[in-house]
């Protein structure tokens, strides 16, 4: 028997942090390189949860499209599967914000 997927909303503190990350990326587009470095760092880790690996793959898809910083930021805040998957792992954005 197939159960439908449960769609969990992004928790409010995480959503607010993501909005700050997006604002920082729009103001300083070069910080996308920090995210790419984080992706590469976590990709090298031998024991990651499958969900984390899936988030890295989804980021690869977003970067492969390379439609600019605005498209990336829109994707990060979107309420679709990829947007939710990317927001689920805030470690991927470590270093983007100065705090």
N, C-alpha and C. Protein backbone atom coordinates (compact mmCIF):
# COMPACT_ATOMS: atom_id res chain seq x y z
N UNK A 1 0.83 -1.17 0.00
CA UNK A 1 0.00 0.00 0.00
C UNK A 1 0.88 1.24 0.00
N UNK A 2 0.60 2.16 -0.87
CA UNK A 2 1.40 3.36 -1.02
C UNK A 2 0.81 4.49 -0.18
N UNK A 3 1.66 5.07 0.67
CA UNK A 3 1.22 6.21 1.46
C UNK A 3 1.67 7.49 0.77
N UNK A 4 0.82 8.51 0.71
CA UNK A 4 1.24 9.76 0.11
C UNK A 4 2.32 10.43 0.96
N UNK A 5 3.20 11.16 0.30
CA UNK A 5 4.25 11.87 1.02
C UNK A 5 3.66 12.98 1.88
N UNK A 6 4.24 13.12 3.03
CA UNK A 6 3.82 14.18 3.93
C UNK A 6 4.66 15.42 3.60
N UNK A 7 4.01 16.54 3.39
CA UNK A 7 4.72 17.77 3.07
C UNK A 7 4.82 18.62 4.32
N UNK A 8 6.03 18.67 4.86
CA UNK A 8 6.26 19.44 6.07
C UNK A 8 6.67 20.85 5.69
N UNK A 9 6.08 21.86 6.32
CA UNK A 9 6.53 23.22 6.04
C UNK A 9 7.91 23.44 6.67
N UNK A 10 8.65 24.38 6.12
CA UNK A 10 9.95 24.74 6.67
C UNK A 10 9.72 25.43 8.01
N UNK A 11 10.39 25.00 9.08
CA UNK A 11 10.22 25.66 10.38
C UNK A 11 10.53 27.16 10.28
N UNK A 12 9.81 27.97 11.02
CA UNK A 12 9.93 29.43 10.94
C UNK A 12 11.35 29.93 11.16
N UNK A 13 12.10 29.44 12.18
CA UNK A 13 13.47 29.95 12.35
C UNK A 13 14.37 29.63 11.14
N UNK A 14 14.19 28.45 10.59
CA UNK A 14 14.98 28.06 9.42
C UNK A 14 14.58 28.90 8.20
N UNK A 15 13.30 29.18 8.06
CA UNK A 15 12.82 30.00 6.95
C UNK A 15 13.40 31.42 7.05
N UNK A 16 13.42 31.98 8.25
CA UNK A 16 13.97 33.33 8.45
C UNK A 16 15.46 33.34 8.14
N UNK A 17 16.17 32.31 8.58
CA UNK A 17 17.61 32.23 8.29
C UNK A 17 17.84 32.13 6.78
N UNK A 18 17.00 31.35 6.11
CA UNK A 18 17.15 31.20 4.66
C UNK A 18 16.90 32.52 3.95
N UNK A 19 15.94 33.29 4.45
CA UNK A 19 15.68 34.61 3.86
C UNK A 19 16.89 35.52 4.05
N UNK A 20 17.57 35.40 5.19
CA UNK A 20 18.79 36.18 5.41
C UNK A 20 19.91 35.72 4.46
N UNK A 21 20.01 34.41 4.26
CA UNK A 21 21.01 33.86 3.33
C UNK A 21 20.75 34.39 1.92
N UNK A 22 19.49 34.38 1.50
CA UNK A 22 19.14 34.86 0.16
C UNK A 22 19.47 36.34 0.02
N UNK A 23 19.15 37.14 1.04
CA UNK A 23 19.47 38.57 0.99
C UNK A 23 20.98 38.77 0.88
N UNK A 24 21.74 37.97 1.62
CA UNK A 24 23.21 38.07 1.57
C UNK A 24 23.74 37.67 0.20
N UNK A 25 23.18 36.62 -0.38
CA UNK A 25 23.63 36.18 -1.71
C UNK A 25 23.31 37.22 -2.78
N UNK A 26 22.16 37.86 -2.66
CA UNK A 26 21.81 38.90 -3.64
C UNK A 26 22.72 40.11 -3.51
N UNK A 27 23.11 40.41 -2.27
CA UNK A 27 23.99 41.56 -2.04
C UNK A 27 25.44 41.23 -2.40
N UNK A 28 25.84 39.98 -2.17
CA UNK A 28 27.23 39.55 -2.43
C UNK A 28 27.21 38.23 -3.21
N UNK A 29 26.96 38.29 -4.52
CA UNK A 29 26.84 37.05 -5.32
C UNK A 29 28.07 36.14 -5.27
N UNK A 30 29.24 36.71 -4.97
CA UNK A 30 30.45 35.88 -4.91
C UNK A 30 30.38 34.84 -3.78
N UNK A 31 29.47 35.00 -2.83
CA UNK A 31 29.35 34.05 -1.72
C UNK A 31 28.74 32.72 -2.17
N UNK A 32 28.29 32.65 -3.41
CA UNK A 32 27.84 31.36 -3.95
C UNK A 32 29.00 30.38 -3.93
N UNK A 33 30.20 30.89 -4.07
CA UNK A 33 31.39 30.03 -4.03
C UNK A 33 31.53 29.33 -2.68
N UNK A 34 31.09 29.99 -1.60
CA UNK A 34 31.12 29.36 -0.27
C UNK A 34 30.22 28.13 -0.26
N UNK A 35 29.04 28.28 -0.86
CA UNK A 35 28.12 27.14 -0.93
C UNK A 35 28.74 26.01 -1.74
N UNK A 36 29.36 26.34 -2.86
CA UNK A 36 29.99 25.31 -3.68
C UNK A 36 31.11 24.61 -2.93
N UNK A 37 31.88 25.37 -2.14
CA UNK A 37 32.94 24.76 -1.33
C UNK A 37 32.33 23.84 -0.27
N UNK A 38 31.23 24.27 0.34
CA UNK A 38 30.55 23.42 1.32
C UNK A 38 30.05 22.13 0.67
N UNK A 39 29.48 22.24 -0.51
CA UNK A 39 29.01 21.05 -1.23
C UNK A 39 30.16 20.08 -1.45
N UNK A 40 31.28 20.60 -1.89
CA UNK A 40 32.43 19.74 -2.16
C UNK A 40 32.95 19.10 -0.87
N UNK A 41 32.98 19.88 0.20
CA UNK A 41 33.44 19.35 1.48
C UNK A 41 32.55 18.19 1.93
N UNK A 42 31.23 18.40 1.92
CA UNK A 42 30.33 17.36 2.39
C UNK A 42 30.26 16.18 1.42
N UNK A 43 30.49 16.43 0.15
CA UNK A 43 30.50 15.34 -0.83
C UNK A 43 31.64 14.36 -0.52
N UNK A 44 32.72 14.86 0.07
CA UNK A 44 33.88 14.02 0.38
C UNK A 44 33.70 13.20 1.66
N UNK A 45 32.68 13.50 2.46
CA UNK A 45 32.46 12.79 3.71
C UNK A 45 31.95 11.38 3.42
N UNK A 46 32.54 10.38 4.06
CA UNK A 46 32.17 9.00 3.73
C UNK A 46 30.80 8.55 4.25
N UNK A 47 30.32 9.13 5.34
CA UNK A 47 29.08 8.63 5.93
C UNK A 47 28.07 9.76 6.09
N UNK A 48 27.39 10.09 5.03
CA UNK A 48 26.33 11.09 5.09
C UNK A 48 24.99 10.41 4.95
N UNK A 49 23.99 11.00 5.57
CA UNK A 49 22.64 10.48 5.41
C UNK A 49 22.22 10.62 3.96
N UNK A 50 21.39 9.72 3.53
CA UNK A 50 20.92 9.73 2.14
C UNK A 50 20.24 11.06 1.79
N UNK A 51 19.48 11.62 2.73
CA UNK A 51 18.81 12.89 2.50
C UNK A 51 19.78 14.03 2.25
N UNK A 52 20.89 14.01 2.97
CA UNK A 52 21.90 15.05 2.79
C UNK A 52 22.53 14.92 1.41
N UNK A 53 22.82 13.69 1.01
CA UNK A 53 23.37 13.45 -0.33
C UNK A 53 22.40 13.89 -1.42
N UNK A 54 21.11 13.65 -1.18
CA UNK A 54 20.09 14.08 -2.14
C UNK A 54 20.07 15.60 -2.26
N UNK A 55 20.21 16.29 -1.13
CA UNK A 55 20.25 17.76 -1.16
C UNK A 55 21.45 18.25 -1.98
N UNK A 56 22.59 17.60 -1.82
CA UNK A 56 23.77 17.97 -2.60
C UNK A 56 23.51 17.76 -4.09
N UNK A 57 22.89 16.65 -4.44
CA UNK A 57 22.55 16.39 -5.85
C UNK A 57 21.60 17.46 -6.39
N UNK A 58 20.63 17.86 -5.59
CA UNK A 58 19.68 18.89 -6.04
C UNK A 58 20.38 20.22 -6.24
N UNK A 59 21.33 20.53 -5.38
CA UNK A 59 22.10 21.75 -5.57
C UNK A 59 22.90 21.67 -6.86
N UNK A 60 23.45 20.51 -7.14
CA UNK A 60 24.18 20.33 -8.40
C UNK A 60 23.27 20.64 -9.59
N UNK A 61 22.02 20.18 -9.52
CA UNK A 61 21.06 20.46 -10.59
C UNK A 61 20.83 21.96 -10.74
N UNK A 62 20.63 22.63 -9.60
CA UNK A 62 20.38 24.08 -9.63
C UNK A 62 21.58 24.81 -10.23
N UNK A 63 22.78 24.43 -9.81
CA UNK A 63 23.98 25.08 -10.35
C UNK A 63 24.20 24.73 -11.82
N UNK A 64 23.80 23.54 -12.24
CA UNK A 64 23.96 23.16 -13.65
C UNK A 64 23.10 24.04 -14.55
N UNK A 65 21.95 24.45 -14.06
CA UNK A 65 21.08 25.34 -14.85
C UNK A 65 21.70 26.72 -15.02
N UNK A 66 22.45 27.17 -14.03
CA UNK A 66 23.19 28.43 -14.06
C UNK A 66 22.40 29.57 -14.70
N UNK A 67 21.29 29.91 -14.05
CA UNK A 67 20.45 30.98 -14.56
C UNK A 67 20.65 32.27 -13.77
N UNK A 68 21.72 32.35 -13.01
CA UNK A 68 22.04 33.57 -12.29
C UNK A 68 21.63 33.51 -10.83
N UNK A 69 22.06 34.55 -10.12
CA UNK A 69 21.84 34.60 -8.67
C UNK A 69 20.37 34.73 -8.33
N UNK A 70 19.60 35.47 -9.12
CA UNK A 70 18.18 35.64 -8.82
C UNK A 70 17.43 34.31 -8.94
N UNK A 71 17.76 33.53 -9.96
CA UNK A 71 17.11 32.22 -10.12
C UNK A 71 17.49 31.28 -8.98
N UNK A 72 18.75 31.33 -8.56
CA UNK A 72 19.20 30.51 -7.43
C UNK A 72 18.44 30.89 -6.17
N UNK A 73 18.33 32.18 -5.91
CA UNK A 73 17.63 32.65 -4.71
C UNK A 73 16.15 32.30 -4.76
N UNK A 74 15.55 32.43 -5.92
CA UNK A 74 14.14 32.04 -6.07
C UNK A 74 13.97 30.56 -5.77
N UNK A 75 14.90 29.75 -6.23
CA UNK A 75 14.82 28.30 -6.00
C UNK A 75 14.97 27.98 -4.52
N UNK A 76 15.85 28.70 -3.83
CA UNK A 76 16.06 28.45 -2.40
C UNK A 76 14.80 28.74 -1.59
N UNK A 77 14.03 29.72 -2.01
CA UNK A 77 12.83 30.10 -1.27
C UNK A 77 11.56 29.45 -1.80
N UNK A 78 11.65 28.75 -2.92
CA UNK A 78 10.45 28.18 -3.52
C UNK A 78 9.86 27.09 -2.63
N UNK A 79 8.59 26.89 -2.81
CA UNK A 79 7.87 25.92 -1.98
C UNK A 79 7.73 24.57 -2.69
N UNK A 80 8.61 24.31 -3.64
CA UNK A 80 8.56 23.04 -4.35
C UNK A 80 9.51 22.02 -3.69
N UNK A 81 9.59 20.86 -4.27
CA UNK A 81 10.40 19.78 -3.70
C UNK A 81 11.87 20.17 -3.55
N UNK A 82 12.44 20.75 -4.58
CA UNK A 82 13.86 21.09 -4.55
C UNK A 82 14.13 22.17 -3.51
N UNK A 83 13.30 23.21 -3.49
CA UNK A 83 13.49 24.27 -2.51
C UNK A 83 13.43 23.75 -1.08
N UNK A 84 12.46 22.90 -0.82
CA UNK A 84 12.34 22.32 0.52
C UNK A 84 13.54 21.45 0.86
N UNK A 85 14.00 20.69 -0.09
CA UNK A 85 15.15 19.80 0.12
C UNK A 85 16.41 20.62 0.42
N UNK A 86 16.62 21.72 -0.29
CA UNK A 86 17.80 22.54 -0.07
C UNK A 86 17.76 23.23 1.29
N UNK A 87 16.60 23.67 1.70
CA UNK A 87 16.48 24.37 2.98
C UNK A 87 16.61 23.43 4.18
N UNK A 88 16.43 22.17 3.96
CA UNK A 88 16.46 21.20 5.06
C UNK A 88 17.86 21.04 5.67
N UNK A 89 18.90 21.43 4.95
CA UNK A 89 20.28 21.21 5.41
C UNK A 89 21.04 22.54 5.48
N UNK A 90 20.87 23.28 6.58
CA UNK A 90 21.50 24.60 6.69
C UNK A 90 23.03 24.56 6.71
N UNK A 91 23.64 23.40 6.99
CA UNK A 91 25.09 23.32 6.94
C UNK A 91 25.65 23.63 5.56
N UNK A 92 24.83 23.45 4.53
CA UNK A 92 25.28 23.75 3.17
C UNK A 92 25.50 25.25 2.99
N UNK A 93 24.92 26.07 3.88
CA UNK A 93 25.03 27.52 3.78
C UNK A 93 25.98 28.11 4.81
N UNK A 94 26.71 27.24 5.49
CA UNK A 94 27.65 27.67 6.53
C UNK A 94 28.68 28.62 5.93
N UNK A 95 28.84 29.78 6.58
CA UNK A 95 29.83 30.76 6.13
C UNK A 95 29.26 31.85 5.24
N UNK A 96 28.04 31.68 4.75
CA UNK A 96 27.44 32.71 3.90
C UNK A 96 27.09 33.94 4.75
N UNK A 97 26.52 33.67 5.93
CA UNK A 97 26.22 34.75 6.87
C UNK A 97 27.42 34.95 7.78
N UNK A 98 27.64 36.14 8.21
CA UNK A 98 28.81 36.43 9.02
C UNK A 98 28.67 36.00 10.47
N UNK A 99 27.43 35.67 10.92
CA UNK A 99 27.26 35.28 12.32
C UNK A 99 27.49 33.81 12.54
